[in-house]
Amino acid sequence: MNPSTDSFAAAVEQAAPSIVRVEGRSRSASSGVVWSADGLVVTSEHALERDEGIELGLADGREAPAKLVGRDPSTDIALLRADVTGLAPLGWTDAGALKVGQIALAVGRPGRSIRALWGIVSALSPAGETWRGRRGGKLERYVETDIGPRWGFSGGAALGADGKGIGLHTTGLMRGTALALTHGTLRRVVESLLAHGGVRRGFLGVGTYPVPLPAALEKQLGQGAALLVVSVAPDSPAQKSGLLMGDLLVSLAGQPLHHVGDLVTLLDDEKIGQDAALKIVRAGEPKDLRITIGSRP
């Protein structure tokens, strides 16, 4: 027998008790990962078509109903709770130790038995550098594998060759791309879902669109684009600060705003309740406002 093949089989066998089947959509099941021994399971948010009537298939063959604790579409993470004990939580590896080219295994349980795929870690963001998905969700680290989309594997685990979890395996954040949502991201989102049923995000109450600045303003402000305010929600932080439709948002808390994603990045949950400087252009003239960042309703 090939020793590397034996080691891959051992890694899958080690993780198998922590992988469950998740029946949360009409035509097919997905997978989930045991988070705690008292019945918490993490899975992919996009694989849950319903909030009720969710069933888990456990590694020992038992089936158990599960309740949805909460979901966060921006990170594609959902948290379930089943009234069972004695489950085997997955062990997790340190994301900071990951390297491009390391073996990556995807394990899932879309049926009654464990299934596995293999590939490599194909891309990593630098350690300590966060990444934003297209829905604005923050990932503590970007970890991409070359494991292609396969039925039922989303919500299962991405493993290293040692059988420890690299992250939650999902193809729901980037079309055609498999990402591993690392333990740091999972822990932060799980804690928020347990506390609030969702992930809190900062809120201004504006709709915006990026536009280029005229040459004179570009020279004066030191940037070539800003965000045009196209809507202001009633009774929102934006309205209370005096923002008007047609204003141009230049910077928030000293950070320039060139694209809508720049604003999303600045509205993390830790910013909720903070007073921030807001530089705008109104009727061609720069103007400074103050705004208190709210919480998205």
C-alpha atoms as a PDB file:
ATOM      1  CA  MET A   1       0.000   0.000   0.000  1.00  0.00           C
ATOM      2  CA  ASN A   2       1.120   3.553  -0.687  1.00  0.00           C
ATOM      3  CA  PRO A   3       1.978   5.170   2.708  1.00  0.00           C
ATOM      4  CA  SER A   4       0.529   8.537   1.638  1.00  0.00           C
ATOM      5  CA  THR A   5      -2.731   6.865   0.665  1.00  0.00           C
ATOM      6  CA  ASP A   6      -2.828   5.176   4.055  1.00  0.00           C
ATOM      7  CA  SER A   7      -2.274   8.505   5.792  1.00  0.00           C
ATOM      8  CA  PHE A   8      -5.106  10.137   3.836  1.00  0.00           C
ATOM      9  CA  ALA A   9      -7.414   7.293   4.797  1.00  0.00           C
ATOM     10  CA  ALA A  10      -6.372   7.692   8.439  1.00  0.00           C
ATOM     11  CA  ALA A  11      -7.088  11.442   8.304  1.00  0.00           C
ATOM     12  CA  VAL A  12     -10.589  10.826   6.934  1.00  0.00           C
ATOM     13  CA  GLU A  13     -11.223   8.109   9.516  1.00  0.00           C
ATOM     14  CA  GLN A  14     -10.131  10.441  12.295  1.00  0.00           C
ATOM     15  CA  ALA A  15     -12.498  13.213  11.183  1.00  0.00           C
ATOM     16  CA  ALA A  16     -15.464  10.997  10.240  1.00  0.00           C
ATOM     17  CA  PRO A  17     -17.175  10.993  13.695  1.00  0.00           C
ATOM     18  CA  SER A  18     -17.359  14.810  13.494  1.00  0.00           C
ATOM     19  CA  ILE A  19     -19.097  14.968  10.094  1.00  0.00           C
ATOM     20  CA  VAL A  20     -22.885  14.802   9.867  1.00  0.00           C
ATOM     21  CA  ARG A  21     -25.516  14.798   7.146  1.00  0.00           C
ATOM     22  CA  VAL A  22     -27.706  17.908   6.989  1.00  0.00           C
ATOM     23  CA  GLU A  23     -31.143  17.618   5.401  1.00  0.00           C
ATOM     24  CA  GLY A  24     -32.233  21.215   4.963  1.00  0.00           C
ATOM     25  CA  ARG A  25     -33.330  21.384   1.351  1.00  0.00           C
ATOM     26  CA  SER A  26     -35.868  19.569  -0.764  1.00  0.00           C
ATOM     27  CA  ARG A  27     -33.845  17.566  -3.284  1.00  0.00           C
ATOM     28  CA  SER A  28     -30.515  16.706  -1.687  1.00  0.00           C
ATOM     29  CA  ALA A  29     -28.637  16.689   1.577  1.00  0.00           C
ATOM     30  CA  SER A  30     -25.472  18.580   2.457  1.00  0.00           C
ATOM     31  CA  SER A  31     -22.926  18.137   5.234  1.00  0.00           C
ATOM     32  CA  GLY A  32     -22.144  19.684   8.608  1.00  0.00           C
ATOM     33  CA  VAL A  33     -19.358  19.688  11.177  1.00  0.00           C
ATOM     34  CA  VAL A  34     -19.817  19.032  14.899  1.00  0.00           C
ATOM     35  CA  TRP A  35     -18.880  22.212  16.758  1.00  0.00           C
ATOM     36  CA  SER A  36     -19.558  21.084  20.328  1.00  0.00           C
ATOM     37  CA  ALA A  37     -20.378  17.854  22.134  1.00  0.00           C
ATOM     38  CA  ASP A  38     -23.766  19.201  23.279  1.00  0.00           C
ATOM     39  CA  GLY A  39     -25.287  19.300  19.787  1.00  0.00           C
ATOM     40  CA  LEU A  40     -24.027  22.411  17.985  1.00  0.00           C
ATOM     41  CA  VAL A  41     -23.276  21.863  14.289  1.00  0.00           C
ATOM     42  CA  VAL A  42     -21.893  24.353  11.747  1.00  0.00           C
ATOM     43  CA  THR A  43     -22.794  24.085   8.083  1.00  0.00           C
ATOM     44  CA  SER A  44     -23.033  26.151   4.891  1.00  0.00           C
ATOM     45  CA  GLU A  45     -25.800  28.738   4.925  1.00  0.00           C
ATOM     46  CA  HIS A  46     -26.473  28.405   1.203  1.00  0.00           C
ATOM     47  CA  ALA A  47     -27.296  24.705   1.612  1.00  0.00           C
ATOM     48  CA  LEU A  48     -30.268  25.427   3.901  1.00  0.00           C
ATOM     49  CA  GLU A  49     -33.416  26.176   1.919  1.00  0.00           C
ATOM     50  CA  ARG A  50     -35.607  26.209   5.019  1.00  0.00           C
ATOM     51  CA  ASP A  51     -35.443  27.297   8.655  1.00  0.00           C
ATOM     52  CA  GLU A  52     -37.590  24.450  10.024  1.00  0.00           C
ATOM     53  CA  GLY A  53     -37.828  20.722   9.522  1.00  0.00           C
ATOM     54  CA  ILE A  54     -34.050  20.267   9.435  1.00  0.00           C
ATOM     55  CA  GLU A  55     -32.739  16.763  10.168  1.00  0.00           C
ATOM     56  CA  LEU A  56     -29.236  15.561  10.983  1.00  0.00           C
ATOM     57  CA  GLY A  57     -27.770  12.162  10.163  1.00  0.00           C
ATOM     58  CA  LEU A  58     -25.122  11.409  12.769  1.00  0.00           C
ATOM     59  CA  ALA A  59     -21.983   9.371  12.255  1.00  0.00           C
ATOM     60  CA  ASP A  60     -23.321   6.511  14.408  1.00  0.00           C
ATOM     61  CA  GLY A  61     -26.411   6.138  12.228  1.00  0.00           C
ATOM     62  CA  ARG A  62     -28.836   8.016  14.472  1.00  0.00           C
ATOM     63  CA  GLU A  63     -31.046  10.747  13.087  1.00  0.00           C
ATOM     64  CA  ALA A  64     -31.954  13.866  15.046  1.00  0.00           C
ATOM     65  CA  PRO A  65     -34.056  16.963  14.380  1.00  0.00           C
ATOM     66  CA  ALA A  66     -32.154  20.241  14.517  1.00  0.00           C
ATOM     67  CA  LYS A  67     -33.178  23.832  15.108  1.00  0.00           C
ATOM     68  CA  LEU A  68     -31.625  26.752  13.279  1.00  0.00           C
ATOM     69  CA  VAL A  69     -29.772  28.957  15.766  1.00  0.00           C
ATOM     70  CA  GLY A  70     -28.911  31.531  13.124  1.00  0.00           C
ATOM     71  CA  ARG A  71     -27.410  32.109   9.712  1.00  0.00           C
ATOM     72  CA  ASP A  72     -24.993  34.590   8.159  1.00  0.00           C
ATOM     73  CA  PRO A  73     -25.233  34.695   4.354  1.00  0.00           C
ATOM     74  CA  SER A  74     -22.250  37.055   4.106  1.00  0.00           C
ATOM     75  CA  THR A  75     -19.867  34.337   5.352  1.00  0.00           C
ATOM     76  CA  ASP A  76     -22.021  31.360   4.234  1.00  0.00           C
ATOM     77  CA  ILE A  77     -22.159  29.993   7.786  1.00  0.00           C
ATOM     78  CA  ALA A  78     -25.204  28.598   9.592  1.00  0.00           C
ATOM     79  CA  LEU A  79     -25.423  27.179  13.106  1.00  0.00           C
ATOM     80  CA  LEU A  80     -27.727  24.320  14.077  1.00  0.00           C
ATOM     81  CA  ARG A  81     -28.572  22.812  17.455  1.00  0.00           C
ATOM     82  CA  ALA A  82     -29.734  19.232  17.986  1.00  0.00           C
ATOM     83  CA  ASP A  83     -30.947  17.798  21.312  1.00  0.00           C
ATOM     84  CA  VAL A  84     -28.151  15.229  21.492  1.00  0.00           C
ATOM     85  CA  THR A  85     -25.008  14.900  23.584  1.00  0.00           C
ATOM     86  CA  GLY A  86     -21.736  13.044  23.318  1.00  0.00           C
ATOM     87  CA  LEU A  87     -20.899  14.236  19.824  1.00  0.00           C
ATOM     88  CA  ALA A  88     -17.263  14.444  18.716  1.00  0.00           C
ATOM     89  CA  PRO A  89     -16.162  18.026  17.863  1.00  0.00           C
ATOM     90  CA  LEU A  90     -13.627  18.334  15.079  1.00  0.00           C
ATOM     91  CA  GLY A  91     -10.068  19.302  15.992  1.00  0.00           C
ATOM     92  CA  TRP A  92      -8.829  22.417  14.188  1.00  0.00           C
ATOM     93  CA  THR A  93      -5.424  23.413  12.884  1.00  0.00           C
ATOM     94  CA  ASP A  94      -3.799  26.852  13.216  1.00  0.00           C
ATOM     95  CA  ALA A  95      -4.615  28.798  10.045  1.00  0.00           C
ATOM     96  CA  GLY A  96      -1.388  30.744  10.444  1.00  0.00           C
ATOM     97  CA  ALA A  97       0.588  27.577   9.786  1.00  0.00           C
ATOM     98  CA  LEU A  98      -1.063  26.844   6.422  1.00  0.00           C
ATOM     99  CA  LYS A  99       1.041  26.905   3.272  1.00  0.00           C
ATOM    100  CA  VAL A 100       0.184  26.895  -0.419  1.00  0.00           C
ATOM    101  CA  GLY A 101       0.742  23.399  -1.805  1.00  0.00           C
ATOM    102  CA  GLN A 102      -0.258  21.526   1.346  1.00  0.00           C
ATOM    103  CA  ILE A 103      -2.609  18.596   0.889  1.00  0.00           C
ATOM    104  CA  ALA A 104      -6.277  19.420   1.462  1.00  0.00           C
ATOM    105  CA  LEU A 105      -9.031  16.842   1.916  1.00  0.00           C
ATOM    106  CA  ALA A 106     -12.735  17.604   1.743  1.00  0.00           C
ATOM    107  CA  VAL A 107     -14.940  15.278   3.782  1.00  0.00           C
ATOM    108  CA  GLY A 108     -18.708  15.205   3.744  1.00  0.00           C
ATOM    109  CA  ARG A 109     -21.642  12.986   4.639  1.00  0.00           C
ATOM    110  CA  PRO A 110     -24.405  13.723   2.121  1.00  0.00           C
ATOM    111  CA  GLY A 111     -25.519  10.098   2.462  1.00  0.00           C
ATOM    112  CA  ARG A 112     -25.158   7.569   5.265  1.00  0.00           C
ATOM    113  CA  SER A 113     -21.394   7.104   4.895  1.00  0.00           C
ATOM    114  CA  ILE A 114     -18.411   9.429   4.891  1.00  0.00           C
ATOM    115  CA  ARG A 115     -17.097  10.622   1.527  1.00  0.00           C
ATOM    116  CA  ALA A 116     -13.827  12.310   0.640  1.00  0.00           C
ATOM    117  CA  LEU A 117     -12.133  14.358  -2.065  1.00  0.00           C
ATOM    118  CA  TRP A 118      -8.551  15.538  -2.205  1.00  0.00           C
ATOM    119  CA  GLY A 119      -6.521  18.409  -3.610  1.00  0.00           C
ATOM    120  CA  ILE A 120      -4.170  21.105  -2.366  1.00  0.00           C
ATOM    121  CA  VAL A 121      -4.303  24.516  -0.721  1.00  0.00           C
ATOM    122  CA  SER A 122      -4.065  26.614  -3.881  1.00  0.00           C
ATOM    123  CA  ALA A 123      -4.156  30.179  -2.534  1.00  0.00           C
ATOM    124  CA  LEU A 124      -3.761  31.988   0.794  1.00  0.00           C
ATOM    125  CA  SER A 125      -3.990  35.578   1.867  1.00  0.00           C
ATOM    126  CA  PRO A 126      -0.991  36.782   3.899  1.00  0.00           C
ATOM    127  CA  ALA A 127      -1.230  35.901   7.590  1.00  0.00           C
ATOM    128  CA  GLY A 128      -3.101  38.574   9.503  1.00  0.00           C
ATOM    129  CA  GLU A 129      -4.794  39.989   6.382  1.00  0.00           C
ATOM    130  CA  THR A 130      -8.575  39.771   6.367  1.00  0.00           C
ATOM    131  CA  TRP A 131     -10.635  39.308   3.199  1.00  0.00           C
ATOM    132  CA  ARG A 132     -14.129  40.413   2.202  1.00  0.00           C
ATOM    133  CA  GLY A 133     -16.504  38.233   0.250  1.00  0.00           C
ATOM    134  CA  ARG A 134     -18.831  39.632  -2.404  1.00  0.00           C
ATOM    135  CA  ARG A 135     -21.589  39.891   0.224  1.00  0.00           C
ATOM    136  CA  GLY A 136     -19.388  41.891   2.579  1.00  0.00           C
ATOM    137  CA  GLY A 137     -18.596  39.102   5.032  1.00  0.00           C
ATOM    138  CA  LYS A 138     -15.201  39.232   6.718  1.00  0.00           C
ATOM    139  CA  LEU A 139     -12.947  36.185   6.652  1.00  0.00           C
ATOM    140  CA  GLU A 140     -10.005  36.177   9.046  1.00  0.00           C
ATOM    141  CA  ARG A 141      -7.982  34.544   6.293  1.00  0.00           C
ATOM    142  CA  TYR A 142      -8.630  33.670   2.659  1.00  0.00           C
ATOM    143  CA  VAL A 143      -7.968  29.959   2.102  1.00  0.00           C
ATOM    144  CA  GLU A 144      -8.711  28.507  -1.330  1.00  0.00           C
ATOM    145  CA  THR A 145      -8.398  24.859  -2.346  1.00  0.00           C
ATOM    146  CA  ASP A 146      -8.483  23.322  -5.806  1.00  0.00           C
ATOM    147  CA  ILE A 147     -11.191  20.848  -4.784  1.00  0.00           C
ATOM    148  CA  GLY A 148     -13.991  21.347  -7.292  1.00  0.00           C
ATOM    149  CA  PRO A 149     -17.703  21.635  -6.453  1.00  0.00           C
ATOM    150  CA  ARG A 150     -19.265  18.279  -5.669  1.00  0.00           C
ATOM    151  CA  TRP A 151     -22.788  17.426  -4.561  1.00  0.00           C
ATOM    152  CA  GLY A 152     -23.275  17.306  -0.797  1.00  0.00           C
ATOM    153  CA  PHE A 153     -19.800  18.392   0.337  1.00  0.00           C
ATOM    154  CA  SER A 154     -20.565  22.039   1.182  1.00  0.00           C
ATOM    155  CA  GLY A 155     -20.778  22.412   4.940  1.00  0.00           C
ATOM    156  CA  GLY A 156     -18.383  19.542   5.519  1.00  0.00           C
ATOM    157  CA  ALA A 157     -14.770  19.936   6.587  1.00  0.00           C
ATOM    158  CA  ALA A 158     -11.613  20.807   4.704  1.00  0.00           C
ATOM    159  CA  LEU A 159      -8.828  18.819   6.366  1.00  0.00           C
ATOM    160  CA  GLY A 160      -5.089  18.739   6.368  1.00  0.00           C
ATOM    161  CA  ALA A 161      -3.262  15.448   5.938  1.00  0.00           C
ATOM    162  CA  ASP A 162      -3.143  15.159   9.745  1.00  0.00           C
ATOM    163  CA  GLY A 163      -6.946  14.914   9.958  1.00  0.00           C
ATOM    164  CA  LYS A 164      -7.384  18.314  11.623  1.00  0.00           C
ATOM    165  CA  GLY A 165      -9.733  20.897  10.183  1.00  0.00           C
ATOM    166  CA  ILE A 166      -8.354  23.587   7.909  1.00  0.00           C
ATOM    167  CA  GLY A 167     -11.833  25.074   7.741  1.00  0.00           C
ATOM    168  CA  LEU A 168     -15.463  24.628   6.764  1.00  0.00           C
ATOM    169  CA  HIS A 169     -15.596  23.556   3.113  1.00  0.00           C
ATOM    170  CA  THR A 170     -17.888  25.719   0.994  1.00  0.00           C
ATOM    171  CA  THR A 171     -18.451  26.588  -2.643  1.00  0.00           C
ATOM    172  CA  GLY A 172     -21.127  29.154  -1.793  1.00  0.00           C
ATOM    173  CA  LEU A 173     -19.024  32.326  -1.522  1.00  0.00           C
ATOM    174  CA  MET A 174     -17.291  32.333  -4.914  1.00  0.00           C
ATOM    175  CA  ARG A 175     -18.796  30.692  -7.967  1.00  0.00           C
ATOM    176  CA  GLY A 176     -16.832  27.588  -8.927  1.00  0.00           C
ATOM    177  CA  THR A 177     -14.270  28.083  -6.150  1.00  0.00           C
ATOM    178  CA  ALA A 178     -13.883  26.060  -2.957  1.00  0.00           C
ATOM    179  CA  LEU A 179     -12.972  28.019   0.159  1.00  0.00           C
ATOM    180  CA  ALA A 180     -12.103  26.814   3.640  1.00  0.00           C
ATOM    181  CA  LEU A 181     -13.608  29.069   6.333  1.00  0.00           C
ATOM    182  CA  THR A 182     -11.007  28.903   9.082  1.00  0.00           C
ATOM    183  CA  HIS A 183     -11.595  28.301  12.770  1.00  0.00           C
ATOM    184  CA  GLY A 184     -11.126  31.982  13.616  1.00  0.00           C
ATOM    185  CA  THR A 185     -13.927  33.006  11.273  1.00  0.00           C
ATOM    186  CA  LEU A 186     -16.148  30.156  12.439  1.00  0.00           C
ATOM    187  CA  ARG A 187     -15.621  30.980  16.122  1.00  0.00           C
ATOM    188  CA  ARG A 188     -16.428  34.656  15.648  1.00  0.00           C
ATOM    189  CA  VAL A 189     -19.581  33.962  13.627  1.00  0.00           C
ATOM    190  CA  VAL A 190     -20.761  31.142  15.920  1.00  0.00           C
ATOM    191  CA  GLU A 191     -20.400  33.393  18.979  1.00  0.00           C
ATOM    192  CA  SER A 192     -22.427  36.107  17.256  1.00  0.00           C
ATOM    193  CA  LEU A 193     -25.122  33.666  16.129  1.00  0.00           C
ATOM    194  CA  LEU A 194     -25.434  32.303  19.660  1.00  0.00           C
ATOM    195  CA  ALA A 195     -25.672  35.797  21.121  1.00  0.00           C
ATOM    196  CA  HIS A 196     -27.799  37.554  18.512  1.00  0.00           C
ATOM    197  CA  GLY A 197     -29.127  34.980  16.048  1.00  0.00           C
ATOM    198  CA  GLY A 198     -27.146  36.782  13.350  1.00  0.00           C
ATOM    199  CA  VAL A 199     -23.996  38.783  12.735  1.00  0.00           C
ATOM    200  CA  ARG A 200     -24.369  42.442  13.640  1.00  0.00           C
ATOM    201  CA  ARG A 201     -23.087  44.953  11.102  1.00  0.00           C
ATOM    202  CA  GLY A 202     -22.635  48.671  11.144  1.00  0.00           C
ATOM    203  CA  PHE A 203     -25.313  50.715   9.412  1.00  0.00           C
ATOM    204  CA  LEU A 204     -25.501  54.240   7.988  1.00  0.00           C
ATOM    205  CA  GLY A 205     -28.759  53.989   6.066  1.00  0.00           C
ATOM    206  CA  VAL A 206     -27.573  55.172   2.671  1.00  0.00           C
ATOM    207  CA  GLY A 207     -27.663  53.778  -0.823  1.00  0.00           C
ATOM    208  CA  THR A 208     -24.554  54.763  -2.775  1.00  0.00           C
ATOM    209  CA  TYR A 209     -22.984  54.499  -6.202  1.00  0.00           C
ATOM    210  CA  PRO A 210     -19.319  55.136  -7.100  1.00  0.00           C
ATOM    211  CA  VAL A 211     -18.684  58.107  -9.371  1.00  0.00           C
ATOM    212  CA  PRO A 212     -15.523  59.871 -10.636  1.00  0.00           C
ATOM    213  CA  LEU A 213     -14.730  63.270  -9.162  1.00  0.00           C
ATOM    214  CA  PRO A 214     -14.189  66.353 -11.350  1.00  0.00           C
ATOM    215  CA  ALA A 215     -10.536  67.215 -11.876  1.00  0.00           C
ATOM    216  CA  ALA A 216     -10.612  70.204  -9.513  1.00  0.00           C
ATOM    217  CA  LEU A 217     -12.091  68.148  -6.652  1.00  0.00           C
ATOM    218  CA  GLU A 218      -9.750  65.275  -7.394  1.00  0.00           C
ATOM    219  CA  LYS A 219      -6.788  67.595  -6.966  1.00  0.00           C
ATOM    220  CA  GLN A 220      -8.238  69.217  -3.848  1.00  0.00           C
ATOM    221  CA  LEU A 221      -9.238  65.970  -2.091  1.00  0.00           C
ATOM    222  CA  GLY A 222      -6.443  63.721  -3.317  1.00  0.00           C
ATOM    223  CA  GLN A 223      -8.701  60.995  -4.694  1.00  0.00           C
ATOM    224  CA  GLY A 224     -10.355  60.323  -8.014  1.00  0.00           C
ATOM    225  CA  ALA A 225     -13.711  58.875  -6.959  1.00  0.00           C
ATOM    226  CA  ALA A 226     -16.351  59.075  -4.249  1.00  0.00           C
ATOM    227  CA  LEU A 227     -19.743  57.575  -3.431  1.00  0.00           C
ATOM    228  CA  LEU A 228     -22.856  59.339  -4.656  1.00  0.00           C
ATOM    229  CA  VAL A 229     -25.729  59.137  -2.152  1.00  0.00           C
ATOM    230  CA  VAL A 230     -28.799  57.916  -4.041  1.00  0.00           C
ATOM    231  CA  SER A 231     -31.040  57.196  -1.034  1.00  0.00           C
ATOM    232  CA  VAL A 232     -31.260  58.048   2.657  1.00  0.00           C
ATOM    233  CA  ALA A 233     -33.338  55.823   4.937  1.00  0.00           C
ATOM    234  CA  PRO A 234     -35.809  57.596   7.276  1.00  0.00           C
ATOM    235  CA  ASP A 235     -34.670  57.924  10.892  1.00  0.00           C
ATOM    236  CA  SER A 236     -31.281  56.414  10.010  1.00  0.00           C
ATOM    237  CA  PRO A 237     -27.843  57.547  11.215  1.00  0.00           C
ATOM    238  CA  ALA A 238     -27.362  59.136   7.791  1.00  0.00           C
ATOM    239  CA  GLN A 239     -30.535  61.215   8.063  1.00  0.00           C
ATOM    240  CA  LYS A 240     -29.738  62.229  11.637  1.00  0.00           C
ATOM    241  CA  SER A 241     -26.270  63.383  10.569  1.00  0.00           C
ATOM    242  CA  GLY A 242     -27.767  65.640   7.912  1.00  0.00           C
ATOM    243  CA  LEU A 243     -26.806  63.651   4.809  1.00  0.00           C
ATOM    244  CA  LEU A 244     -28.850  64.413   1.704  1.00  0.00           C
ATOM    245  CA  MET A 245     -29.434  62.664  -1.597  1.00  0.00           C
ATOM    246  CA  GLY A 246     -26.881  63.952  -4.089  1.00  0.00           C
ATOM    247  CA  ASP A 247     -24.104  64.313  -1.503  1.00  0.00           C
ATOM    248  CA  LEU A 248     -20.776  62.681  -2.301  1.00  0.00           C
ATOM    249  CA  LEU A 249     -19.186  60.553   0.442  1.00  0.00           C
ATOM    250  CA  VAL A 250     -15.440  61.152   0.332  1.00  0.00           C
ATOM    251  CA  SER A 251     -14.192  59.472   3.516  1.00  0.00           C
ATOM    252  CA  LEU A 252     -15.376  57.880   6.751  1.00  0.00           C
ATOM    253  CA  ALA A 253     -13.206  57.989   9.870  1.00  0.00           C
ATOM    254  CA  GLY A 254     -10.373  59.271   7.720  1.00  0.00           C
ATOM    255  CA  GLN A 255     -10.550  56.345   5.274  1.00  0.00           C
ATOM    256  CA  PRO A 256     -11.204  57.230   1.610  1.00  0.00           C
ATOM    257  CA  LEU A 257     -14.318  55.861  -0.071  1.00  0.00           C
ATOM    258  CA  HIS A 258     -13.740  54.948  -3.711  1.00  0.00           C
ATOM    259  CA  HIS A 259     -16.039  51.917  -3.994  1.00  0.00           C
ATOM    260  CA  VAL A 260     -19.104  50.614  -2.175  1.00  0.00           C
ATOM    261  CA  GLY A 261     -16.909  47.822  -0.791  1.00  0.00           C
ATOM    262  CA  ASP A 262     -14.761  50.435   0.972  1.00  0.00           C
ATOM    263  CA  LEU A 263     -17.792  51.529   2.969  1.00  0.00           C
ATOM    264  CA  VAL A 264     -18.852  47.962   3.749  1.00  0.00           C
ATOM    265  CA  THR A 265     -15.362  47.182   5.048  1.00  0.00           C
ATOM    266  CA  LEU A 266     -15.529  50.087   7.497  1.00  0.00           C
ATOM    267  CA  LEU A 267     -18.880  49.014   8.965  1.00  0.00           C
ATOM    268  CA  ASP A 268     -17.737  46.090  11.117  1.00  0.00           C
ATOM    269  CA  ASP A 269     -19.698  45.200  14.242  1.00  0.00           C
ATOM    270  CA  GLU A 270     -17.060  46.755  16.500  1.00  0.00           C
ATOM    271  CA  LYS A 271     -17.820  50.143  14.917  1.00  0.00           C
ATOM    272  CA  ILE A 272     -21.472  50.090  16.076  1.00  0.00           C
ATOM    273  CA  GLY A 273     -22.161  53.021  18.377  1.00  0.00           C
ATOM    274  CA  GLN A 274     -18.975  54.882  17.463  1.00  0.00           C
ATOM    275  CA  ASP A 275     -18.971  58.517  16.423  1.00  0.00           C
ATOM    276  CA  ALA A 276     -17.015  59.032  13.201  1.00  0.00           C
ATOM    277  CA  ALA A 277     -15.913  61.880  10.972  1.00  0.00           C
ATOM    278  CA  LEU A 278     -17.615  61.936   7.580  1.00  0.00           C
ATOM    279  CA  LYS A 279     -16.212  64.073   4.777  1.00  0.00           C
ATOM    280  CA  ILE A 280     -18.629  64.860   1.980  1.00  0.00           C
ATOM    281  CA  VAL A 281     -19.001  67.111  -1.039  1.00  0.00           C
ATOM    282  CA  ARG A 282     -22.257  69.050  -1.304  1.00  0.00           C
ATOM    283  CA  ALA A 283     -22.996  71.342  -4.218  1.00  0.00           C
ATOM    284  CA  GLY A 284     -19.342  71.184  -5.222  1.00  0.00           C
ATOM    285  CA  GLU A 285     -17.992  72.181  -1.802  1.00  0.00           C
ATOM    286  CA  PRO A 286     -16.243  69.860   0.713  1.00  0.00           C
ATOM    287  CA  LYS A 287     -18.008  69.645   4.052  1.00  0.00           C
ATOM    288  CA  ASP A 288     -17.349  67.808   7.332  1.00  0.00           C
ATOM    289  CA  LEU A 289     -20.082  65.994   9.265  1.00  0.00           C
ATOM    290  CA  ARG A 290     -20.210  63.680  12.265  1.00  0.00           C
ATOM    291  CA  ILE A 291     -22.152  60.416  12.172  1.00  0.00           C
ATOM    292  CA  THR A 292     -22.877  57.768  14.804  1.00  0.00           C
ATOM    293  CA  ILE A 293     -22.685  54.317  13.240  1.00  0.00           C
ATOM    294  CA  GLY A 294     -25.811  52.309  13.908  1.00  0.00           C
ATOM    295  CA  SER A 295     -26.652  48.607  13.800  1.00  0.00           C
ATOM    296  CA  ARG A 296     -28.240  47.105  10.704  1.00  0.00           C
ATOM    297  CA  PRO A 297     -31.903  46.375  11.494  1.00  0.00           C
END
